[in-house]
Amino acid sequence: MYKTFFNLTRNPFEITPDPSFLFTTKRHNEALAALYYGVRQHKGFVVLTGEVGTGKTLLLRCLLQLLKLSQDVSFAYLFNSRLSATQFLQSVVSDFGLPASGKNKSELLLELCNYVLSRGLKKLTTVLIVDEAHHLSTDILEEIRLLTNLETTTEKLLQVLLVGQPELDEKLDSIGLRQLKQRIALRSRLEPLNATETKEYIEKRLHVAGANSSATTLFPAETIQSVYRYSRGTPRLINTICDSALLNAYTRQMRYVTPEIIDGIVEDLRLDVVVSTDSARDQEASGAEVRRAAETLLELYASLHESRARKEKLRVPVTTQFP
């Protein structure tokens, strides 16, 4: 809607992960290099974690583009990890282009193992990529670990990339998954952008969208400071705020975005309302205490009421008779 008004060729702040908009910080470069190296050198397990909106899926899309350039790589990409063990195997087998319909767990495992082994004998690379991996159950993670037993004396035949939120790190650090943790060859973590990176991120996306000379005037320095303050450097939030801000400026027929526009957008989207984990836990604990206190009072009231009723029943009326 606002592209023509601001002389843009495309929307600069779409929240969909488009590799052409990749903004690489040192951390992003290191993470992408680790993923690619882990696959190409057959390292087995590679893990990437990061908070919501830090660009994990976008980084994966860029990796997939690199892998598609290689004729010797076949990959299965799963983004729905809330599955049973059998459903998970069905999805993996199917994504590799193998027949999966109507097969039980044992048959699926056999199909997958034969596929990985046959490709390994031909010196081909087979990759399993799981996005949102923090949702994987312990049972599925154990199934994945067993699949990586397919190996030669020098390398793993199945490469596994697990990508998810920081809860994935906590899960992998648990005592029950210590065998899997010991097999992880590389681990990377994405962090939010700092203030300088946020400025460069916004300008980079504007340049890609066609705003050559106006990239620095559309979002003045003080406006970018406001965007950083509210987004805390999270790329997805930066996109959400900036996209809404451009639309707001367009409706007002303004040629640049002011800090006041950012304040209004943030208030409308309630992005300034943040409940920390500790606060949420405190509120939950407080609520539980109130419920327990109420239940105790109700029980005490019921007990007193019952005791009074018993006394009323046992009370014998006394009559005085005069001779």
C-alpha atoms as a PDB file:
ATOM      1  CA  MET A   1       0.000   0.000   0.000  1.00  0.00           C
ATOM      2  CA  TYR A   2       2.779   2.441   0.924  1.00  0.00           C
ATOM      3  CA  LYS A   3       5.456   1.215  -1.526  1.00  0.00           C
ATOM      4  CA  THR A   4       4.732   3.756  -4.263  1.00  0.00           C
ATOM      5  CA  PHE A   5       4.486   6.629  -1.781  1.00  0.00           C
ATOM      6  CA  PHE A   6       7.963   5.871  -0.390  1.00  0.00           C
ATOM      7  CA  ASN A   7       9.443   4.852  -3.782  1.00  0.00           C
ATOM      8  CA  LEU A   8       9.981   1.246  -2.716  1.00  0.00           C
ATOM      9  CA  THR A   9      10.009  -1.760  -5.033  1.00  0.00           C
ATOM     10  CA  ARG A  10       8.947  -4.244  -2.365  1.00  0.00           C
ATOM     11  CA  ASN A  11       7.877  -4.446   1.249  1.00  0.00           C
ATOM     12  CA  PRO A  12      11.066  -4.045   3.335  1.00  0.00           C
ATOM     13  CA  PHE A  13       9.727  -5.418   6.599  1.00  0.00           C
ATOM     14  CA  GLU A  14       7.854  -8.617   5.805  1.00  0.00           C
ATOM     15  CA  ILE A  15       8.047 -11.032   8.728  1.00  0.00           C
ATOM     16  CA  THR A  16       8.310 -14.074   6.435  1.00  0.00           C
ATOM     17  CA  PRO A  17      11.901 -15.427   6.328  1.00  0.00           C
ATOM     18  CA  ASP A  18      13.199 -14.237   2.931  1.00  0.00           C
ATOM     19  CA  PRO A  19      16.921 -15.078   2.398  1.00  0.00           C
ATOM     20  CA  SER A  20      17.404 -11.994   0.196  1.00  0.00           C
ATOM     21  CA  PHE A  21      16.933  -9.871   3.329  1.00  0.00           C
ATOM     22  CA  LEU A  22      19.511 -11.767   5.398  1.00  0.00           C
ATOM     23  CA  PHE A  23      21.427  -9.390   7.656  1.00  0.00           C
ATOM     24  CA  THR A  24      24.559 -11.094   8.865  1.00  0.00           C
ATOM     25  CA  THR A  25      26.156 -10.199  12.152  1.00  0.00           C
ATOM     26  CA  LYS A  26      29.273 -12.000  13.347  1.00  0.00           C
ATOM     27  CA  ARG A  27      27.048 -14.380  15.332  1.00  0.00           C
ATOM     28  CA  HIS A  28      24.859 -15.127  12.306  1.00  0.00           C
ATOM     29  CA  ASN A  29      27.897 -15.768  10.125  1.00  0.00           C
ATOM     30  CA  GLU A  30      29.386 -18.118  12.700  1.00  0.00           C
ATOM     31  CA  ALA A  31      26.077 -19.966  13.100  1.00  0.00           C
ATOM     32  CA  LEU A  32      25.573 -20.393   9.346  1.00  0.00           C
ATOM     33  CA  ALA A  33      29.172 -21.535   8.940  1.00  0.00           C
ATOM     34  CA  ALA A  34      28.735 -24.068  11.745  1.00  0.00           C
ATOM     35  CA  LEU A  35      25.567 -25.491  10.177  1.00  0.00           C
ATOM     36  CA  TYR A  36      27.120 -25.769   6.723  1.00  0.00           C
ATOM     37  CA  TYR A  37      30.410 -27.176   8.032  1.00  0.00           C
ATOM     38  CA  GLY A  38      28.596 -29.735  10.175  1.00  0.00           C
ATOM     39  CA  VAL A  39      26.660 -30.992   7.149  1.00  0.00           C
ATOM     40  CA  ARG A  40      29.495 -31.004   4.625  1.00  0.00           C
ATOM     41  CA  GLN A  41      32.002 -32.605   7.017  1.00  0.00           C
ATOM     42  CA  HIS A  42      29.502 -35.222   8.245  1.00  0.00           C
ATOM     43  CA  LYS A  43      29.790 -34.252  11.911  1.00  0.00           C
ATOM     44  CA  GLY A  44      26.465 -35.784  12.937  1.00  0.00           C
ATOM     45  CA  PHE A  45      24.602 -33.578  15.415  1.00  0.00           C
ATOM     46  CA  VAL A  46      24.579 -29.776  15.113  1.00  0.00           C
ATOM     47  CA  VAL A  47      22.392 -27.555  17.336  1.00  0.00           C
ATOM     48  CA  LEU A  48      21.274 -23.954  16.802  1.00  0.00           C
ATOM     49  CA  THR A  49      19.248 -22.108  19.443  1.00  0.00           C
ATOM     50  CA  GLY A  50      17.972 -18.566  19.877  1.00  0.00           C
ATOM     51  CA  GLU A  51      15.098 -16.604  21.325  1.00  0.00           C
ATOM     52  CA  VAL A  52      11.843 -16.133  19.407  1.00  0.00           C
ATOM     53  CA  GLY A  53      12.306 -13.839  16.409  1.00  0.00           C
ATOM     54  CA  THR A  54      16.123 -13.778  16.322  1.00  0.00           C
ATOM     55  CA  GLY A  55      16.303 -15.204  12.780  1.00  0.00           C
ATOM     56  CA  LYS A  56      16.770 -18.963  13.186  1.00  0.00           C
ATOM     57  CA  THR A  57      14.341 -19.946  10.436  1.00  0.00           C
ATOM     58  CA  LEU A  58      15.748 -17.319   8.061  1.00  0.00           C
ATOM     59  CA  LEU A  59      19.225 -18.736   8.651  1.00  0.00           C
ATOM     60  CA  LEU A  60      17.874 -22.207   7.888  1.00  0.00           C
ATOM     61  CA  ARG A  61      16.375 -20.966   4.605  1.00  0.00           C
ATOM     62  CA  CYS A  62      19.772 -19.605   3.617  1.00  0.00           C
ATOM     63  CA  LEU A  63      21.381 -22.941   4.485  1.00  0.00           C
ATOM     64  CA  LEU A  64      18.811 -24.788   2.381  1.00  0.00           C
ATOM     65  CA  GLN A  65      19.638 -22.562  -0.579  1.00  0.00           C
ATOM     66  CA  LEU A  66      23.304 -23.484  -0.195  1.00  0.00           C
ATOM     67  CA  LEU A  67      22.507 -27.183   0.085  1.00  0.00           C
ATOM     68  CA  LYS A  68      20.306 -27.093  -3.018  1.00  0.00           C
ATOM     69  CA  LEU A  69      23.337 -25.971  -5.014  1.00  0.00           C
ATOM     70  CA  SER A  70      25.030 -29.262  -4.131  1.00  0.00           C
ATOM     71  CA  GLN A  71      23.990 -32.249  -6.216  1.00  0.00           C
ATOM     72  CA  ASP A  72      25.053 -34.767  -3.570  1.00  0.00           C
ATOM     73  CA  VAL A  73      22.816 -33.553  -0.721  1.00  0.00           C
ATOM     74  CA  SER A  74      19.333 -34.821   0.125  1.00  0.00           C
ATOM     75  CA  PHE A  75      17.492 -33.320   3.081  1.00  0.00           C
ATOM     76  CA  ALA A  76      14.255 -33.652   5.000  1.00  0.00           C
ATOM     77  CA  TYR A  77      13.004 -30.447   6.612  1.00  0.00           C
ATOM     78  CA  LEU A  78      10.481 -30.726   9.451  1.00  0.00           C
ATOM     79  CA  PHE A  79       8.900 -27.690  11.111  1.00  0.00           C
ATOM     80  CA  ASN A  80       6.130 -29.486  13.031  1.00  0.00           C
ATOM     81  CA  SER A  81       7.748 -31.232  15.968  1.00  0.00           C
ATOM     82  CA  ARG A  82       4.615 -31.863  18.046  1.00  0.00           C
ATOM     83  CA  LEU A  83       4.252 -35.421  16.796  1.00  0.00           C
ATOM     84  CA  SER A  84       4.326 -38.944  18.133  1.00  0.00           C
ATOM     85  CA  ALA A  85       7.376 -41.091  17.352  1.00  0.00           C
ATOM     86  CA  THR A  86       5.554 -42.890  14.519  1.00  0.00           C
ATOM     87  CA  GLN A  87       4.172 -39.657  13.049  1.00  0.00           C
ATOM     88  CA  PHE A  88       7.619 -38.125  13.209  1.00  0.00           C
ATOM     89  CA  LEU A  89       9.181 -41.034  11.310  1.00  0.00           C
ATOM     90  CA  GLN A  90       6.363 -40.916   8.746  1.00  0.00           C
ATOM     91  CA  SER A  91       7.074 -37.226   8.139  1.00  0.00           C
ATOM     92  CA  VAL A  92      10.822 -37.810   7.783  1.00  0.00           C
ATOM     93  CA  VAL A  93      10.440 -40.777   5.429  1.00  0.00           C
ATOM     94  CA  SER A  94       7.859 -38.938   3.349  1.00  0.00           C
ATOM     95  CA  ASP A  95       9.970 -35.778   3.098  1.00  0.00           C
ATOM     96  CA  PHE A  96      12.849 -37.842   1.741  1.00  0.00           C
ATOM     97  CA  GLY A  97      10.466 -38.942  -1.000  1.00  0.00           C
ATOM     98  CA  LEU A  98      10.093 -42.499   0.294  1.00  0.00           C
ATOM     99  CA  PRO A  99       6.822 -44.457   0.676  1.00  0.00           C
ATOM    100  CA  ALA A 100       5.472 -43.986   4.203  1.00  0.00           C
ATOM    101  CA  SER A 101       1.708 -44.514   4.018  1.00  0.00           C
ATOM    102  CA  GLY A 102       0.359 -47.458   6.001  1.00  0.00           C
ATOM    103  CA  LYS A 103       3.728 -48.479   7.473  1.00  0.00           C
ATOM    104  CA  ASN A 104       4.310 -49.126  11.144  1.00  0.00           C
ATOM    105  CA  LYS A 105       7.245 -47.812  13.156  1.00  0.00           C
ATOM    106  CA  SER A 106       9.563 -50.762  12.457  1.00  0.00           C
ATOM    107  CA  GLU A 107       8.905 -50.602   8.728  1.00  0.00           C
ATOM    108  CA  LEU A 108       9.519 -46.852   8.683  1.00  0.00           C
ATOM    109  CA  LEU A 109      12.815 -47.259  10.519  1.00  0.00           C
ATOM    110  CA  LEU A 110      13.912 -49.975   8.099  1.00  0.00           C
ATOM    111  CA  GLU A 111      12.967 -47.818   5.107  1.00  0.00           C
ATOM    112  CA  LEU A 112      14.900 -44.851   6.486  1.00  0.00           C
ATOM    113  CA  CYS A 113      17.976 -46.855   7.486  1.00  0.00           C
ATOM    114  CA  ASN A 114      18.209 -48.533   4.081  1.00  0.00           C
ATOM    115  CA  TYR A 115      17.931 -45.127   2.410  1.00  0.00           C
ATOM    116  CA  VAL A 116      20.676 -43.563   4.541  1.00  0.00           C
ATOM    117  CA  LEU A 117      22.979 -46.581   4.139  1.00  0.00           C
ATOM    118  CA  SER A 118      22.541 -46.742   0.381  1.00  0.00           C
ATOM    119  CA  ARG A 119      23.379 -43.052   0.027  1.00  0.00           C
ATOM    120  CA  GLY A 120      26.338 -43.450   2.355  1.00  0.00           C
ATOM    121  CA  LEU A 121      27.793 -46.200   0.160  1.00  0.00           C
ATOM    122  CA  LYS A 122      27.627 -43.751  -2.771  1.00  0.00           C
ATOM    123  CA  LYS A 123      29.393 -41.031  -0.732  1.00  0.00           C
ATOM    124  CA  LEU A 124      26.232 -38.896  -0.757  1.00  0.00           C
ATOM    125  CA  THR A 125      25.107 -36.615   2.080  1.00  0.00           C
ATOM    126  CA  THR A 126      21.786 -37.118   3.879  1.00  0.00           C
ATOM    127  CA  VAL A 127      20.474 -34.424   6.229  1.00  0.00           C
ATOM    128  CA  LEU A 128      17.591 -34.273   8.703  1.00  0.00           C
ATOM    129  CA  ILE A 129      16.657 -30.705   9.703  1.00  0.00           C
ATOM    130  CA  VAL A 130      14.194 -30.168  12.545  1.00  0.00           C
ATOM    131  CA  ASP A 131      12.911 -26.645  13.197  1.00  0.00           C
ATOM    132  CA  GLU A 132      11.078 -25.849  16.461  1.00  0.00           C
ATOM    133  CA  ALA A 133      13.042 -28.753  17.935  1.00  0.00           C
ATOM    134  CA  HIS A 134      12.424 -27.557  21.512  1.00  0.00           C
ATOM    135  CA  HIS A 135       8.984 -29.184  21.180  1.00  0.00           C
ATOM    136  CA  LEU A 136      10.460 -32.640  20.494  1.00  0.00           C
ATOM    137  CA  SER A 137       9.672 -35.239  23.116  1.00  0.00           C
ATOM    138  CA  THR A 138      12.402 -37.201  24.842  1.00  0.00           C
ATOM    139  CA  ASP A 139      11.240 -40.337  23.002  1.00  0.00           C
ATOM    140  CA  ILE A 140      11.675 -38.719  19.583  1.00  0.00           C
ATOM    141  CA  LEU A 141      15.077 -37.293  20.510  1.00  0.00           C
ATOM    142  CA  GLU A 142      16.117 -40.803  21.509  1.00  0.00           C
ATOM    143  CA  GLU A 143      14.888 -42.146  18.147  1.00  0.00           C
ATOM    144  CA  ILE A 144      16.994 -39.520  16.398  1.00  0.00           C
ATOM    145  CA  ARG A 145      20.017 -40.454  18.472  1.00  0.00           C
ATOM    146  CA  LEU A 146      19.648 -44.095  17.493  1.00  0.00           C
ATOM    147  CA  LEU A 147      19.489 -43.093  13.823  1.00  0.00           C
ATOM    148  CA  THR A 148      22.913 -41.485  14.137  1.00  0.00           C
ATOM    149  CA  ASN A 149      24.348 -44.904  14.992  1.00  0.00           C
ATOM    150  CA  LEU A 150      24.515 -45.315  11.214  1.00  0.00           C
ATOM    151  CA  GLU A 151      28.157 -44.475  10.666  1.00  0.00           C
ATOM    152  CA  THR A 152      31.441 -45.581   9.183  1.00  0.00           C
ATOM    153  CA  THR A 153      34.751 -45.636  11.031  1.00  0.00           C
ATOM    154  CA  THR A 154      35.346 -41.996  10.050  1.00  0.00           C
ATOM    155  CA  GLU A 155      31.977 -40.215   9.734  1.00  0.00           C
ATOM    156  CA  LYS A 156      28.249 -40.139  10.429  1.00  0.00           C
ATOM    157  CA  LEU A 157      25.932 -41.171   7.596  1.00  0.00           C
ATOM    158  CA  LEU A 158      22.961 -39.089   8.773  1.00  0.00           C
ATOM    159  CA  GLN A 159      23.490 -35.414   9.574  1.00  0.00           C
ATOM    160  CA  VAL A 160      21.007 -33.955  12.063  1.00  0.00           C
ATOM    161  CA  LEU A 161      20.380 -30.231  12.585  1.00  0.00           C
ATOM    162  CA  LEU A 162      18.245 -29.349  15.607  1.00  0.00           C
ATOM    163  CA  VAL A 163      17.008 -25.746  15.665  1.00  0.00           C
ATOM    164  CA  GLY A 164      14.895 -24.276  18.432  1.00  0.00           C
ATOM    165  CA  GLN A 165      14.404 -21.878  21.312  1.00  0.00           C
ATOM    166  CA  PRO A 166      16.688 -21.846  24.410  1.00  0.00           C
ATOM    167  CA  GLU A 167      14.462 -24.504  25.995  1.00  0.00           C
ATOM    168  CA  LEU A 168      16.127 -26.932  23.582  1.00  0.00           C
ATOM    169  CA  ASP A 169      19.470 -26.326  25.308  1.00  0.00           C
ATOM    170  CA  GLU A 170      17.848 -27.015  28.669  1.00  0.00           C
ATOM    171  CA  LYS A 171      16.294 -30.216  27.344  1.00  0.00           C
ATOM    172  CA  LEU A 172      19.568 -31.441  25.843  1.00  0.00           C
ATOM    173  CA  ASP A 173      21.365 -30.696  29.115  1.00  0.00           C
ATOM    174  CA  SER A 174      19.018 -32.994  31.044  1.00  0.00           C
ATOM    175  CA  ILE A 175      20.436 -36.172  32.551  1.00  0.00           C
ATOM    176  CA  GLY A 176      18.114 -38.358  30.488  1.00  0.00           C
ATOM    177  CA  LEU A 177      19.614 -37.106  27.220  1.00  0.00           C
ATOM    178  CA  ARG A 178      23.284 -37.159  28.214  1.00  0.00           C
ATOM    179  CA  GLN A 179      24.085 -39.758  25.521  1.00  0.00           C
ATOM    180  CA  LEU A 180      22.683 -37.460  22.829  1.00  0.00           C
ATOM    181  CA  LYS A 181      24.444 -34.419  24.292  1.00  0.00           C
ATOM    182  CA  GLN A 182      27.807 -36.169  24.035  1.00  0.00           C
ATOM    183  CA  ARG A 183      27.245 -36.644  20.301  1.00  0.00           C
ATOM    184  CA  ILE A 184      26.651 -32.967  19.537  1.00  0.00           C
ATOM    185  CA  ALA A 185      29.585 -31.795  17.439  1.00  0.00           C
ATOM    186  CA  LEU A 186      28.694 -28.089  17.117  1.00  0.00           C
ATOM    187  CA  ARG A 187      26.416 -25.715  19.020  1.00  0.00           C
ATOM    188  CA  SER A 188      25.554 -22.108  18.131  1.00  0.00           C
ATOM    189  CA  ARG A 189      23.246 -19.521  19.616  1.00  0.00           C
ATOM    190  CA  LEU A 190      21.691 -16.423  18.046  1.00  0.00           C
ATOM    191  CA  GLU A 191      21.266 -13.278  20.149  1.00  0.00           C
ATOM    192  CA  PRO A 192      19.229 -10.089  19.547  1.00  0.00           C
ATOM    193  CA  LEU A 193      20.891  -7.225  17.665  1.00  0.00           C
ATOM    194  CA  ASN A 194      22.621  -4.398  19.500  1.00  0.00           C
ATOM    195  CA  ALA A 195      21.776  -0.721  18.837  1.00  0.00           C
ATOM    196  CA  THR A 196      24.298  -0.316  15.999  1.00  0.00           C
ATOM    197  CA  GLU A 197      23.216  -3.574  14.361  1.00  0.00           C
ATOM    198  CA  THR A 198      19.556  -2.531  14.604  1.00  0.00           C
ATOM    199  CA  LYS A 199      20.315   0.661  12.658  1.00  0.00           C
ATOM    200  CA  GLU A 200      22.256  -1.282  10.015  1.00  0.00           C
ATOM    201  CA  TYR A 201      19.508  -3.929   9.872  1.00  0.00           C
ATOM    202  CA  ILE A 202      16.781  -1.360   9.136  1.00  0.00           C
ATOM    203  CA  GLU A 203      18.884   0.430   6.512  1.00  0.00           C
ATOM    204  CA  LYS A 204      19.885  -2.853   4.859  1.00  0.00           C
ATOM    205  CA  ARG A 205      16.265  -3.925   4.437  1.00  0.00           C
ATOM    206  CA  LEU A 206      15.297  -0.526   3.072  1.00  0.00           C
ATOM    207  CA  HIS A 207      18.140  -0.693   0.536  1.00  0.00           C
ATOM    208  CA  VAL A 208      17.080  -4.175  -0.600  1.00  0.00           C
ATOM    209  CA  ALA A 209      13.530  -2.818  -0.990  1.00  0.00           C
ATOM    210  CA  GLY A 210      14.748  -0.032  -3.281  1.00  0.00           C
ATOM    211  CA  ALA A 211      15.128   2.935  -0.901  1.00  0.00           C
ATOM    212  CA  ASN A 212      18.641   3.873  -2.032  1.00  0.00           C
ATOM    213  CA  SER A 213      18.992   7.539  -1.092  1.00  0.00           C
ATOM    214  CA  SER A 214      16.051   7.698   1.319  1.00  0.00           C
ATOM    215  CA  ALA A 215      17.063   4.780   3.553  1.00  0.00           C
ATOM    216  CA  THR A 216      18.527   7.086   6.187  1.00  0.00           C
ATOM    217  CA  THR A 217      15.766   9.699   5.956  1.00  0.00           C
ATOM    218  CA  LEU A 218      12.766   7.378   6.243  1.00  0.00           C
ATOM    219  CA  PHE A 219      13.887   6.357   9.736  1.00  0.00           C
ATOM    220  CA  PRO A 220      15.922   9.156  11.388  1.00  0.00           C
ATOM    221  CA  ALA A 221      18.424   8.263  14.109  1.00  0.00           C
ATOM    222  CA  GLU A 222      16.102   9.146  16.994  1.00  0.00           C
ATOM    223  CA  THR A 223      13.338   7.011  15.461  1.00  0.00           C
ATOM    224  CA  ILE A 224      15.655   4.025  15.170  1.00  0.00           C
ATOM    225  CA  GLN A 225      16.597   4.500  18.820  1.00  0.00           C
ATOM    226  CA  SER A 226      12.908   4.188  19.703  1.00  0.00           C
ATOM    227  CA  VAL A 227      12.570   1.071  17.559  1.00  0.00           C
ATOM    228  CA  TYR A 228      15.564  -0.492  19.305  1.00  0.00           C
ATOM    229  CA  ARG A 229      14.278   0.427  22.767  1.00  0.00           C
ATOM    230  CA  TYR A 230      10.941  -1.287  22.202  1.00  0.00           C
ATOM    231  CA  SER A 231      12.127  -4.242  20.089  1.00  0.00           C
ATOM    232  CA  ARG A 232      15.196  -4.946  22.240  1.00  0.00           C
ATOM    233  CA  GLY A 233      16.969  -5.816  19.002  1.00  0.00           C
ATOM    234  CA  THR A 234      14.716  -8.747  18.076  1.00  0.00           C
ATOM    235  CA  PRO A 235      14.511  -8.777  14.245  1.00  0.00           C
ATOM    236  CA  ARG A 236      10.904  -9.976  14.066  1.00  0.00           C
ATOM    237  CA  LEU A 237       9.733  -7.197  16.383  1.00  0.00           C
ATOM    238  CA  ILE A 238      11.787  -4.652  14.419  1.00  0.00           C
ATOM    239  CA  ASN A 239       9.962  -5.756  11.254  1.00  0.00           C
ATOM    240  CA  THR A 240       6.548  -5.578  12.918  1.00  0.00           C
ATOM    241  CA  ILE A 241       7.133  -2.101  14.324  1.00  0.00           C
ATOM    242  CA  CYS A 242       8.709  -0.662  11.172  1.00  0.00           C
ATOM    243  CA  ASP A 243       6.074  -2.067   8.818  1.00  0.00           C
ATOM    244  CA  SER A 244       3.250  -0.610  10.902  1.00  0.00           C
ATOM    245  CA  ALA A 245       5.152   2.665  11.233  1.00  0.00           C
ATOM    246  CA  LEU A 246       5.515   3.057   7.453  1.00  0.00           C
ATOM    247  CA  LEU A 247       1.812   2.410   7.003  1.00  0.00           C
ATOM    248  CA  ASN A 248       1.013   4.960   9.712  1.00  0.00           C
ATOM    249  CA  ALA A 249       3.281   7.578   8.114  1.00  0.00           C
ATOM    250  CA  TYR A 250       1.681   6.914   4.734  1.00  0.00           C
ATOM    251  CA  THR A 251      -1.855   7.479   6.071  1.00  0.00           C
ATOM    252  CA  ARG A 252      -0.642  10.806   7.470  1.00  0.00           C
ATOM    253  CA  GLN A 253       1.158  11.610   4.201  1.00  0.00           C
ATOM    254  CA  MET A 254       4.442  12.010   6.087  1.00  0.00           C
ATOM    255  CA  ARG A 255       7.727  11.371   4.285  1.00  0.00           C
ATOM    256  CA  TYR A 256       9.525   9.976   7.320  1.00  0.00           C
ATOM    257  CA  VAL A 257       8.749   8.108  10.530  1.00  0.00           C
ATOM    258  CA  THR A 258       8.877  10.021  13.806  1.00  0.00           C
ATOM    259  CA  PRO A 259       9.531   8.636  17.309  1.00  0.00           C
ATOM    260  CA  GLU A 260       5.945   9.604  18.180  1.00  0.00           C
ATOM    261  CA  ILE A 261       4.656   7.253  15.477  1.00  0.00           C
ATOM    262  CA  ILE A 262       6.765   4.450  16.969  1.00  0.00           C
ATOM    263  CA  ASP A 263       5.348   5.192  20.447  1.00  0.00           C
ATOM    264  CA  GLY A 264       1.804   4.955  19.090  1.00  0.00           C
ATOM    265  CA  ILE A 265       2.494   1.719  17.208  1.00  0.00           C
ATOM    266  CA  VAL A 266       4.034   0.116  20.276  1.00  0.00           C
ATOM    267  CA  GLU A 267       1.078   1.147  22.423  1.00  0.00           C
ATOM    268  CA  ASP A 268      -1.419  -0.211  19.881  1.00  0.00           C
ATOM    269  CA  LEU A 269       0.455  -3.512  19.606  1.00  0.00           C
ATOM    270  CA  ARG A 270       1.006  -3.647  23.392  1.00  0.00           C
ATOM    271  CA  LEU A 271       4.697  -4.307  22.825  1.00  0.00           C
ATOM    272  CA  ASP A 272       5.527  -2.227  25.879  1.00  0.00           C
ATOM    273  CA  VAL A 273       3.674  -4.720  28.080  1.00  0.00           C
ATOM    274  CA  VAL A 274       6.222  -7.361  28.996  1.00  0.00           C
ATOM    275  CA  VAL A 275       5.821  -9.860  31.794  1.00  0.00           C
ATOM    276  CA  SER A 276       9.131 -11.414  32.733  1.00  0.00           C
ATOM    277  CA  THR A 277       9.387 -15.096  33.477  1.00  0.00           C
ATOM    278  CA  ASP A 278      10.099 -14.366  37.126  1.00  0.00           C
ATOM    279  CA  SER A 279       7.071 -12.067  37.365  1.00  0.00           C
ATOM    280  CA  ALA A 280       4.877 -14.665  35.734  1.00  0.00           C
ATOM    281  CA  ARG A 281       6.103 -17.277  38.194  1.00  0.00           C
ATOM    282  CA  ASP A 282       5.537 -14.889  41.105  1.00  0.00           C
ATOM    283  CA  GLN A 283       1.999 -14.164  39.904  1.00  0.00           C
ATOM    284  CA  GLU A 284       1.320 -17.860  39.480  1.00  0.00           C
ATOM    285  CA  ALA A 285       2.685 -18.618  42.944  1.00  0.00           C
ATOM    286  CA  SER A 286       0.692 -15.744  44.437  1.00  0.00           C
ATOM    287  CA  GLY A 287      -2.467 -17.001  42.746  1.00  0.00           C
ATOM    288  CA  ALA A 288      -1.870 -20.490  44.097  1.00  0.00           C
ATOM    289  CA  GLU A 289      -1.403 -19.126  47.609  1.00  0.00           C
ATOM    290  CA  VAL A 290      -4.662 -17.173  47.387  1.00  0.00           C
ATOM    291  CA  ARG A 291      -6.491 -20.282  46.182  1.00  0.00           C
ATOM    292  CA  ARG A 292      -5.052 -22.346  49.027  1.00  0.00           C
ATOM    293  CA  ALA A 293      -6.000 -19.686  51.576  1.00  0.00           C
ATOM    294  CA  ALA A 294      -9.549 -19.496  50.189  1.00  0.00           C
ATOM    295  CA  GLU A 295      -9.894 -23.277  50.271  1.00  0.00           C
ATOM    296  CA  THR A 296      -8.646 -23.338  53.881  1.00  0.00           C
ATOM    297  CA  LEU A 297     -11.167 -20.683  54.910  1.00  0.00           C
ATOM    298  CA  LEU A 298     -13.987 -22.540  53.172  1.00  0.00           C
ATOM    299  CA  GLU A 299     -13.004 -25.788  54.873  1.00  0.00           C
ATOM    300  CA  LEU A 300     -12.814 -24.021  58.256  1.00  0.00           C
ATOM    301  CA  TYR A 301     -16.220 -22.418  57.697  1.00  0.00           C
ATOM    302  CA  ALA A 302     -17.733 -25.762  56.699  1.00  0.00           C
ATOM    303  CA  SER A 303     -16.198 -27.429  59.738  1.00  0.00           C
ATOM    304  CA  LEU A 304     -17.553 -24.774  62.118  1.00  0.00           C
ATOM    305  CA  HIS A 305     -20.979 -24.932  60.487  1.00  0.00           C
ATOM    306  CA  GLU A 306     -21.047 -28.725  60.824  1.00  0.00           C
ATOM    307  CA  SER A 307     -19.920 -28.552  64.467  1.00  0.00           C
ATOM    308  CA  ARG A 308     -22.618 -26.012  65.276  1.00  0.00           C
ATOM    309  CA  ALA A 309     -25.245 -28.168  63.595  1.00  0.00           C
ATOM    310  CA  ARG A 310     -24.214 -31.198  65.651  1.00  0.00           C
ATOM    311  CA  LYS A 311     -24.457 -29.196  68.860  1.00  0.00           C
ATOM    312  CA  GLU A 312     -27.943 -28.019  67.913  1.00  0.00           C
ATOM    313  CA  LYS A 313     -29.056 -31.640  67.409  1.00  0.00           C
ATOM    314  CA  LEU A 314     -27.550 -32.817  70.726  1.00  0.00           C
ATOM    315  CA  ARG A 315     -28.945 -29.970  72.739  1.00  0.00           C
ATOM    316  CA  VAL A 316     -31.675 -31.301  75.155  1.00  0.00           C
ATOM    317  CA  PRO A 317     -34.399 -28.834  76.014  1.00  0.00           C
ATOM    318  CA  VAL A 318     -34.637 -28.230  79.823  1.00  0.00           C
ATOM    319  CA  THR A 319     -38.018 -27.663  81.392  1.00  0.00           C
ATOM    320  CA  THR A 320     -38.559 -26.606  84.984  1.00  0.00           C
ATOM    321  CA  GLN A 321     -41.487 -28.023  86.830  1.00  0.00           C
ATOM    322  CA  PHE A 322     -42.744 -26.661  90.119  1.00  0.00           C
ATOM    323  CA  PRO A 323     -44.366 -28.942  92.583  1.00  0.00           C
END
